[in-house]
Protein backbone atom coordinates (compact mmCIF):
# COMPACT_ATOMS: atom_id res chain seq x y z
CA UNK A 1 201.88 32.25 253.04
CA UNK A 2 198.83 30.04 253.42
CA UNK A 3 197.96 28.26 250.14
CA UNK A 4 194.87 29.76 248.49
CA UNK A 5 193.02 26.48 248.53
CA UNK A 6 192.87 26.49 252.35
CA UNK A 7 190.21 29.19 252.07
CA UNK A 8 187.86 27.10 249.88
CA UNK A 9 185.99 23.86 250.55
CA UNK A 10 187.18 21.01 248.33
CA UNK A 11 183.73 20.87 246.67
CA UNK A 12 184.24 24.46 245.43
CA UNK A 13 187.78 23.71 244.21
CA UNK A 14 186.53 20.66 242.36
CA UNK A 15 183.82 22.71 240.68
CA UNK A 16 186.24 25.47 239.70
CA UNK A 17 188.65 22.99 238.15
CA UNK A 18 185.79 21.35 236.29
CA UNK A 19 184.66 24.69 234.82
CA UNK A 20 188.21 25.60 233.88
CA UNK A 21 188.61 22.39 231.94
CA UNK A 22 185.37 23.09 230.10
CA UNK A 23 186.49 26.58 229.19
CA UNK A 24 189.73 25.18 227.84
CA UNK A 25 187.80 22.73 225.72
CA UNK A 26 188.87 19.64 227.63
CA UNK A 27 186.85 16.92 229.34
CA UNK A 28 186.39 16.30 233.05
CA UNK A 29 184.67 13.96 235.47
CA UNK A 30 182.14 15.05 238.03
CA UNK A 31 182.15 14.24 241.76
CA UNK A 32 180.55 10.84 241.19
CA UNK A 33 183.26 9.80 238.75
CA UNK A 34 181.03 9.96 235.68
CA UNK A 35 182.50 11.49 232.53
CA UNK A 36 181.12 14.96 231.87
CA UNK A 37 180.36 16.06 228.31
CA UNK A 38 183.17 17.77 226.41
CA UNK A 39 182.27 21.35 225.57
CA UNK A 40 184.11 22.90 222.63
CA UNK A 41 184.55 26.67 223.05
CA UNK A 42 183.49 29.00 220.27
CA UNK A 43 186.34 29.13 217.82
CA UNK A 44 188.22 32.31 217.19
CA UNK A 45 186.45 34.16 214.39
CA UNK A 46 188.16 33.68 211.03
CA UNK A 47 186.23 36.33 209.08
CA UNK A 48 185.75 40.06 209.47
CA UNK A 49 182.50 41.81 210.33
CA UNK A 50 181.32 45.36 209.72
CA UNK A 51 178.76 47.82 208.41
CA UNK A 52 178.42 50.47 205.72
CA UNK A 53 178.74 54.11 206.75
CA UNK A 54 175.11 54.76 205.76
CA UNK A 55 173.84 57.13 208.50
CA UNK A 56 170.51 56.76 210.27
CA UNK A 57 169.74 60.49 210.26
CA UNK A 58 170.49 63.68 208.35
CA UNK A 59 172.32 65.61 211.06
CA UNK A 60 176.07 65.85 211.63
CA UNK A 61 175.70 64.17 215.01
CA UNK A 62 173.90 61.25 213.34
CA UNK A 63 176.86 60.80 211.00
CA UNK A 64 179.32 61.07 213.92
CA UNK A 65 177.35 58.48 215.86
CA UNK A 66 177.31 56.15 212.86
CA UNK A 67 181.08 56.18 212.48
CA UNK A 68 181.50 55.70 216.24
CA UNK A 69 179.23 52.65 216.07
CA UNK A 70 181.22 51.25 213.14
CA UNK A 71 184.47 51.69 215.04
CA UNK A 72 183.11 49.90 218.11
CA UNK A 73 181.26 47.04 216.44
CA UNK A 74 183.32 45.97 213.43
CA UNK A 75 186.82 45.29 212.22
CA UNK A 76 186.02 46.33 208.65
CA UNK A 77 183.58 48.88 207.24
CA UNK A 78 182.36 49.96 203.82
CA UNK A 79 182.14 53.26 202.00
CA UNK A 80 179.46 52.87 199.35
CA UNK A 81 179.72 55.31 196.41
CA UNK A 82 176.52 54.51 194.57
CA UNK A 83 175.26 57.77 193.14
CA UNK A 84 176.36 60.03 190.30
CA UNK A 85 179.62 60.08 188.36
CA UNK A 86 181.12 63.35 187.04
CA UNK A 87 181.40 61.95 183.52
CA UNK A 88 181.76 65.28 181.75
CA UNK A 89 184.62 66.35 184.00
CA UNK A 90 186.46 63.05 183.54
CA UNK A 91 185.92 62.89 179.77
CA UNK A 92 186.85 66.51 179.07
CA UNK A 93 189.50 67.01 181.78
CA UNK A 94 187.45 69.68 183.54
CA UNK A 95 187.53 70.58 187.26
CA UNK A 96 185.54 68.15 189.36
CA UNK A 97 182.22 69.40 190.75
CA UNK A 98 182.57 70.77 194.28
CA UNK A 99 179.64 68.77 195.65
CA UNK A 100 181.36 65.58 194.49
CA UNK A 101 184.78 66.40 195.93
CA UNK A 102 183.23 67.63 199.19
CA UNK A 103 181.39 64.35 199.64
CA UNK A 104 184.52 62.30 199.06
CA UNK A 105 186.68 64.54 201.26
CA UNK A 106 184.15 64.30 204.08
CA UNK A 107 184.23 60.51 203.98
CA UNK A 108 188.02 60.34 203.69
CA UNK A 109 188.42 62.64 206.69
CA UNK A 110 186.32 60.22 208.73
CA UNK A 111 188.38 57.18 207.84
CA UNK A 112 188.44 54.87 210.86
CA UNK A 113 191.94 54.09 212.05
CA UNK A 114 192.79 50.46 212.66
CA UNK A 115 189.88 49.10 210.60
CA UNK A 116 189.98 47.57 207.15
CA UNK A 117 188.05 49.38 204.44
CA UNK A 118 185.90 48.15 201.59
CA UNK A 119 185.25 50.72 198.87
CA UNK A 120 182.22 49.91 196.69
CA UNK A 121 181.70 52.01 193.56
CA UNK A 122 178.80 51.81 191.16
CA UNK A 123 179.20 52.16 187.42
CA UNK A 124 175.45 51.71 186.97
CA UNK A 125 172.30 53.56 187.97
CA UNK A 126 170.00 52.42 190.78
CA UNK A 127 167.99 50.19 188.41
CA UNK A 128 171.27 48.70 187.08
CA UNK A 129 170.11 48.97 183.49
CA UNK A 130 172.15 52.00 182.39
CA UNK A 131 175.22 54.00 183.35
CA UNK A 132 175.06 56.11 186.49
CA UNK A 133 174.08 59.65 185.58
CA UNK A 134 176.29 62.70 185.60
CA UNK A 135 175.80 65.36 188.27
CA UNK A 136 173.11 67.06 186.15
CA UNK A 137 171.12 63.84 185.75
CA UNK A 138 172.18 63.15 182.16
CA UNK A 139 173.89 60.05 180.79
CA UNK A 140 176.97 60.57 178.60
CA UNK A 141 176.46 59.88 174.91
CA UNK A 142 177.98 56.58 173.80
CA UNK A 143 177.75 53.90 171.14
CA UNK A 144 178.76 50.98 173.36
CA UNK A 145 179.76 50.76 177.00
CA UNK A 146 183.31 49.97 175.93
CA UNK A 147 183.73 53.25 174.07
CA UNK A 148 187.23 54.56 174.69
CA UNK A 149 185.99 57.77 176.35
CA UNK A 150 183.92 55.77 178.84
CA UNK A 151 186.72 53.35 179.67
CA UNK A 152 189.18 56.18 180.25
CA UNK A 153 186.68 58.20 182.27
CA UNK A 154 185.71 55.32 184.53
CA UNK A 155 189.35 54.45 185.17
CA UNK A 156 189.97 58.07 186.18
CA UNK A 157 186.96 57.86 188.52
CA UNK A 158 188.18 54.65 190.14
CA UNK A 159 191.76 55.89 190.34
CA UNK A 160 190.65 59.11 192.06
CA UNK A 161 188.58 57.23 194.63
CA UNK A 162 191.15 54.52 195.36
CA UNK A 163 193.89 57.12 195.73
CA UNK A 164 191.69 59.10 198.14
CA UNK A 165 190.46 56.21 200.30
CA UNK A 166 193.36 53.74 200.07
CA UNK A 167 191.00 50.79 200.67
CA UNK A 168 191.88 47.17 201.38
CA UNK A 169 189.13 45.86 199.07
CA UNK A 170 187.47 47.40 196.01
CA UNK A 171 184.11 46.56 194.47
CA UNK A 172 184.76 48.13 191.09
CA UNK A 173 181.12 47.85 189.92
CA UNK A 174 178.00 47.07 191.96
CA UNK A 175 175.38 44.35 191.26
CA UNK A 176 176.49 43.83 187.69
CA UNK A 177 174.34 40.74 187.08
CA UNK A 178 171.33 43.02 187.03
CA UNK A 179 172.67 44.72 183.88
CA UNK A 180 172.57 41.36 182.08
CA UNK A 181 169.10 40.81 183.55
CA UNK A 182 167.65 44.17 182.47
CA UNK A 183 169.79 45.36 179.54
CA UNK A 184 171.41 42.25 178.04
CA UNK A 185 172.42 44.14 174.89
CA UNK A 186 174.89 46.15 177.01
CA UNK A 187 176.58 43.12 178.60
CA UNK A 188 179.39 42.57 176.11
CA UNK A 189 180.34 46.23 176.16
CA UNK A 190 180.26 46.17 179.95
CA UNK A 191 182.61 43.18 180.11
CA UNK A 192 185.12 44.83 177.79
CA UNK A 193 185.01 48.06 179.80
CA UNK A 194 185.40 46.43 183.19
CA UNK A 195 188.20 44.07 182.10
CA UNK A 196 190.27 47.03 180.91
CA UNK A 197 189.51 49.25 183.90
CA UNK A 198 190.24 46.40 186.31
CA UNK A 199 193.52 45.62 184.57
CA UNK A 200 194.65 49.24 184.73
CA UNK A 201 193.60 49.48 188.37
CA UNK A 202 195.55 46.33 189.27
CA UNK A 203 198.63 47.76 187.60
CA UNK A 204 198.30 50.99 189.57
CA UNK A 205 197.43 49.26 192.88
CA UNK A 206 198.92 45.76 192.80
CA UNK A 207 198.03 44.90 196.41
CA UNK A 208 194.37 45.86 196.12
CA UNK A 209 191.76 43.07 196.12
CA UNK A 210 189.23 43.80 193.34
CA UNK A 211 185.82 42.32 192.50
CA UNK A 212 182.50 43.10 190.81
CA UNK A 213 179.53 42.49 193.07
CA UNK A 214 176.48 40.46 192.13
CA UNK A 215 173.07 40.38 193.80
CA UNK A 216 172.43 36.84 195.00
CA UNK A 217 168.68 37.44 195.26
CA UNK A 218 168.64 38.07 191.49
CA UNK A 219 171.04 35.26 190.65
CA UNK A 220 169.52 32.43 192.68
CA UNK A 221 166.52 31.01 190.78
CA UNK A 222 166.53 33.97 188.36
CA UNK A 223 163.38 35.05 186.56
CA UNK A 224 164.80 34.71 183.04
CA UNK A 225 164.03 32.63 179.97
CA UNK A 226 167.23 30.59 180.19
CA UNK A 227 168.32 30.43 183.84
CA UNK A 228 171.32 28.15 183.22
CA UNK A 229 172.80 30.43 180.58
CA UNK A 230 172.27 33.48 182.77
CA UNK A 231 173.81 31.85 185.84
CA UNK A 232 176.78 30.49 183.90
CA UNK A 233 177.47 33.88 182.30
CA UNK A 234 177.58 35.59 185.69
CA UNK A 235 179.75 32.99 187.39
CA UNK A 236 182.09 32.97 184.40
CA UNK A 237 182.46 36.72 184.86
CA UNK A 238 183.05 36.81 188.61
CA UNK A 239 185.38 33.79 188.56
CA UNK A 240 187.96 36.22 187.18
CA UNK A 241 187.73 38.42 190.30
CA UNK A 242 190.05 38.34 193.30
CA UNK A 243 187.11 37.51 195.54
CA UNK A 244 183.39 36.83 195.12
CA UNK A 245 181.50 39.96 196.18
CA UNK A 246 177.90 39.26 197.14
CA UNK A 247 174.98 41.62 197.65
CA UNK A 248 172.12 39.73 199.30
CA UNK A 249 168.77 40.89 200.61
CA UNK A 250 166.78 37.67 201.18
CA UNK A 251 163.46 39.45 201.72
CA UNK A 252 163.59 40.67 198.11
CA UNK A 253 163.39 36.99 197.13
CA UNK A 254 160.70 36.29 199.74
CA UNK A 255 163.11 34.10 201.72
CA UNK A 256 162.31 33.93 205.42
CA UNK A 257 163.25 30.51 206.85
CA UNK A 258 166.60 28.98 207.71
CA UNK A 259 166.14 26.31 205.05
CA UNK A 260 165.46 28.97 202.40
CA UNK A 261 168.45 31.06 203.45
CA UNK A 262 170.68 28.00 203.43
CA UNK A 263 169.50 26.86 200.00
CA UNK A 264 170.51 30.19 198.47
CA UNK A 265 173.90 30.08 200.22
CA UNK A 266 174.49 26.47 199.15
CA UNK A 267 173.77 27.49 195.55
CA UNK A 268 176.52 30.09 195.87
CA UNK A 269 179.02 27.80 197.58
CA UNK A 270 178.63 25.11 194.93
CA UNK A 271 179.70 27.40 192.10
CA UNK A 272 182.65 29.45 193.32
CA UNK A 273 186.29 28.75 194.05
CA UNK A 274 187.28 32.20 195.29
CA UNK A 275 187.02 33.73 198.77
CA UNK A 276 183.46 34.92 199.41
CA UNK A 277 182.61 38.31 200.89
CA UNK A 278 179.13 39.62 201.59
CA UNK A 279 179.77 43.22 200.64
CA UNK A 280 176.23 44.33 201.50
CA UNK A 281 173.42 42.39 203.10
CA UNK A 282 170.50 42.71 205.51
CA UNK A 283 167.02 41.45 206.30
CA UNK A 284 163.92 43.44 207.23
CA UNK A 285 162.83 43.39 210.88
CA UNK A 286 159.36 44.84 210.22
CA UNK A 287 156.66 44.38 207.61
CA UNK A 288 157.44 46.16 204.34
CA UNK A 289 154.45 47.85 202.71
CA UNK A 290 154.99 50.11 199.68
CA UNK A 291 151.66 50.47 197.82
CA UNK A 292 153.15 52.56 194.99
CA UNK A 293 155.56 49.73 194.17
CA UNK A 294 153.01 46.98 194.80
CA UNK A 295 155.29 45.64 197.55
CA UNK A 296 153.97 43.78 200.58
CA UNK A 297 156.50 41.59 202.40
CA UNK A 298 156.11 40.23 205.92
CA UNK A 299 159.10 40.65 208.19
CA UNK A 300 159.97 40.59 211.87
CA UNK A 301 162.93 40.75 214.23
CA UNK A 302 163.01 36.98 214.75
CA UNK A 303 163.47 36.29 211.02
CA UNK A 304 166.14 38.97 210.84
CA UNK A 305 168.02 37.28 213.67
CA UNK A 306 167.61 33.89 212.02
CA UNK A 307 169.09 35.15 208.76
CA UNK A 308 172.05 36.78 210.48
CA UNK A 309 172.77 33.67 212.55
CA UNK A 310 172.59 31.50 209.42
CA UNK A 311 174.95 33.85 207.60
CA UNK A 312 177.42 33.86 210.50
CA UNK A 313 177.41 30.06 210.65
CA UNK A 314 178.21 29.88 206.95
CA UNK A 315 180.88 32.54 207.24
CA UNK A 316 182.63 30.25 209.70
CA UNK A 317 182.23 26.98 207.85
CA UNK A 318 182.85 28.40 204.36
CA UNK A 319 185.73 30.70 205.32
CA UNK A 320 184.16 33.95 204.14
CA UNK A 321 186.52 36.92 203.98
CA UNK A 322 184.02 39.30 205.58
CA UNK A 323 180.39 40.29 206.07
CA UNK A 324 179.11 43.86 205.70
CA UNK A 325 175.63 44.54 207.11
CA UNK A 326 174.03 47.35 205.14
CA UNK A 327 172.74 49.71 207.84
CA UNK A 328 173.46 49.37 211.53
CA UNK A 329 170.29 51.26 212.50
CA UNK A 330 166.90 51.90 210.89
CA UNK A 331 167.13 55.20 209.02
CA UNK A 332 163.60 56.55 209.42
CA UNK A 333 164.96 60.02 210.25
CA UNK A 334 167.12 60.12 207.13
CA UNK A 335 164.34 58.63 204.98
CA UNK A 336 161.99 61.45 206.04
CA UNK A 337 164.30 63.90 204.23
CA UNK A 338 164.31 61.97 200.93
CA UNK A 339 162.70 63.65 197.91
CA UNK A 340 159.32 62.18 197.03
CA UNK A 341 160.76 60.70 193.84
CA UNK A 342 163.00 58.28 195.77
CA UNK A 343 161.06 57.77 199.00
CA UNK A 344 159.42 54.55 197.85
CA UNK A 345 162.76 53.10 196.75
CA UNK A 346 164.49 54.18 199.95
CA UNK A 347 161.85 52.57 202.14
CA UNK A 348 162.85 49.11 200.93
CA UNK A 349 165.93 49.01 203.20
CA UNK A 350 164.76 51.44 205.89
CA UNK A 351 163.87 48.87 208.56
CA UNK A 352 166.82 46.49 208.27
CA UNK A 353 168.98 47.86 211.10
CA UNK A 354 170.28 45.79 213.98
CA UNK A 355 169.02 48.75 216.01
CA UNK A 356 165.57 50.18 215.41
CA UNK A 357 164.94 53.83 214.59
CA UNK A 358 165.13 54.76 218.28
CA UNK A 359 168.48 53.03 218.75
CA UNK A 360 166.96 50.07 220.63
CA UNK A 361 168.89 46.86 220.09
CA UNK A 362 167.14 44.07 218.23
CA UNK A 363 167.85 40.38 218.93
CA UNK A 364 170.07 40.27 215.82
CA UNK A 365 172.39 42.80 217.43
CA UNK A 366 172.98 40.39 220.30
CA UNK A 367 173.83 37.66 217.78
CA UNK A 368 176.20 40.07 216.02
CA UNK A 369 177.89 41.16 219.26
CA UNK A 370 178.33 37.62 220.55
CA UNK A 371 180.14 36.57 217.39
CA UNK A 372 182.09 39.78 216.92
CA UNK A 373 183.64 39.49 220.37
CA UNK A 374 185.07 36.03 219.67
């Protein structure tokens, strides 16, 4: 057999060897004998990446397409249970409402094989100043948030969901720093409730990683009378978690440059000694105008890409556990079906997808794909 190199000029062989050395991370010399620069290949990714299951449209096919996208473009994904809680059923040992069980069963039946799962559950309402409402829109009567009935009911709620989903990670309460921000009189009761519910959940599921999430955009440079006391109270609370669960939407803090993004991340890094996970995050790719909420925030695809790239760099250097991008695609079609009462609120995150409403890839999706594949 004729050696393969007989078919190639020596100049080509030299070039091929040179490129091979570069790919392997080594150094080489060029044809003139000068030392070529050493190129270090992109390191193998040491953190997980994924999205929430939030669909971009109201139809069954839209939901199917969302889960297919999650399976193809992440190694972890999140189910986000941030709506009502069947308090009356849990407190009085009544049958669970069918609309609640149907929603959970539908999500469980779509569980993505071979992917890790983050389950995020909200104890609080959307404004994070009160308990989430029951299915009829009412809030259960209580004296303090650590009333025995509430503690027992919320543990039953968490136990039901964890048993159904069997997640790898649990956010046991969402954006809890905002309760201290908006209803500070409820904070002590909240802490007592969540400590007990977390303890009981750990006993029932000893291998489950549990945390309470905090919104970084409302923790970094907070608009409070005593910022140091507020910040210390929150970090004291989350230092007891298995990991630090971060919700971060930089545009809500009017952050738009790499230096601004990095300053907020550095603030976080300097104060924690637990693994960090961004359990929900995104950045707008279009201008955000909501006259009824007096909101006007400039945004574009380039700034979205810049934020994602900054986040990915920090995930590598700071050994994040994972990053969850909120919505993979703009959900204009789903938003059009929202009741008028929540349309303004829903618009805030509508245009944060790595794909636009037509499914066209934004530059940030290329940044995501390049890092995900390594």
